[in-house]
Structure formats: C-alpha cells, structure tokens
Amino acid sequence: MIATVKRPQLKPSEPESLPPLTPETIQRAREGWEFARDRSVRKSSQLAFDTLQATDSRPPRRVNGTLRRWLLRAMVRMLFRVNVENAHVLPKQPFLLVANHLNHIDPLLVLAELPASPYCYVIGDSRSLYNTKWKRAILQWAQGVLPLDRWWKEEKAVLEGAKSGRKDLMELAENIRRDVPDGSSIEMLRQLDRSVQTVFQNGDSLLLFPEGKLGTEEGKLLPLKRGMAIYALRAGVPIVPVALIGTKDLYLRKTLTVRFGQPLPVSPTKRPKSRQIQALTESIEASFESLLSKTYREPDGLKLFRYCLNHIFW
C-alpha cells in the first residue's frame, strides 16, 4: 500500500507559464505546425505503435539493449562528463522510471546509464522525435519509443496571443487548432494506454517525464501529471524516481548528474481510486524533493558548442 505523505513545498514554476511572443517563439510554433502536417512524422509515429502491438505473438523488433546502451553511452560521454549516483537501486524486474525534464537530451542521458535488461521504452513527443530524417532513421531502426501528441508551449503562446487580439497570429493559431493534436483525443489516449500495458506485459520497463513539458529552472519541479501513477498502479510495477541535474544548459564537457532514488513499491490495482493516485503522486514528489539539488549553480568558464548542444535534439 502507498502511505499518504504531506505534500512537499517544491516551489514549482507556474503550470501555465508560457514563453514571451518573440519572433523565435512564433517561428518555433510555425515549425511545430509544419511538423504536424508532415506525413513522414505521422507515419513514423503510427508505425511505432503498430510495431509494439504486433509483438503479442512474437518478440518485439528492436535494437539489442546492450548495443543501444553502448552506443548512447559512447555518444553522451564523448560530449559530457556524467556522474551517476545510486544505480545499484534499480530493480531487476520491470519498473516505471520517472525523471524531471530540462532538455531534449534527457532521455538519451538516462537510457545511456540504464542496464540493458529489463529493456526500457520511452514516452516522448512525436514531433520532437520524428521531425528530421536522421532522427526518423535512427528511431525506426532502434524502436523503443511510444510517441505522444500534444501542443508545444510555443503553440500555446501563439493561441493565447491570438485569443487576446493579436491579428498577426490569427492564421497561425487557426492552423494549429486544425492540424496539431492537443493530446486530449480519447483514441490517442487509449492507444497509448494499450501500448504501456503491452510494455509491462512483455517484461519491459518504461521511462517517462511526468512534468509533461520542459522545466524552466534547475532544482525546480513543475506539477506532475497523474498518468504516471495510474500506469504504475494498473501494472503493479515499482516507480523509480531519477533526478537529472545540470542539463538545462548544455556545453561541451559539462558535468551532468543522473541520481537514482529508492524504488517505490506499488500494489496492482485494476481500477485505481483517486486517493491512491494522489497518494502515489505525492510520494513521487517527495522523492524528487530529496533528490533534486537545491543549491545548484552553473559553472563559470568557457562554454563551447553551447548553442549547438542545446538545440541539436529539437
């Protein structure tokens, strides 16, 4: 059973904080809309789900876990120094890994430091995953991802701007409403739910970022989505929190920290009640409170390839 704990004071950023409507924000929203209309992005996203669901009667088609870990670790450690803490706490059986989210490189950093078994899938934004040919080629070869559709913060900013009367944003806002899935589709949510169940039934693990978007500051946690608790309760798998420290601003040879927390045991529940979901969510928040650095300071000195490394995985 999950004990109810006092909700920690995490001082989260405002949940609806949106970027200012700069030319860069508007351009990013326009790019997002164009990615949503790209048939290659939509096809790759659906293929990822189809490939996973086709494994009911045969082993999943994906890159070997040991090879994936070796390749990712080689790439990450060529660019950064990585400090890994408490990796020995990771369970041998399937688990749900939840991490704070500061940069698009975060999933690669975590996967590079996980054991090859149990194999770990990742839930990620479909347009960020498949918006370039090289990323589509790698992911279609490697597999291991569950794409998620949703509005980007830049798109939300444009929608709010148009709503407040910005006539120059009206056309783009209408295009976003028409062509970009906002993540609330019942069909999409059911497809994702079935895929998560399949992952755990196959004896694999899952990595997700329960804040639902990129955080704004080191050491601060955005409010957590309740979906992570529902997935864990339905499957009866332990939840392992992992704090990522130093990834908000990247540059060559920077030291990044991956700090694993103690697994939270979860009893299987076919129909989780609201109080169970809330209690588990609060337990996870308490774990992050103890794992995240409250005194982090960005190092001084030369920061080589800063722009490139912060944008390469956009």
Foldseek 3Di string as FASTA:
>chain_A
DFDFDDFDDQVFDPLLDFDPPDVVLLVVLVLVLVLLVDPQLVVLQVVLLVQLVVPPPHHGQFDQLVVLLVVLLVVVVQFAAEAEADLVQDDQFAAEEEEAAQALCVVSVVSNPHDSPPPEAEEEASCLQRVDPVSSVVCVHGRRYNHAFARDSSLVNLLVVVVVPPPVSVVSNVSCVVRGDHRPDPVSVVSSLVSLLSCNVVRHYYYYYQLPHHGDDASGGHQGDLVSLVSCQQSQHWYKYWYWGDPNWAAGHYYIYIYIDHTDGYGHDNDDDPVSSVSVSSVNSVRSNVHTDPDDDDDDDDGHCRVVVRPVSD
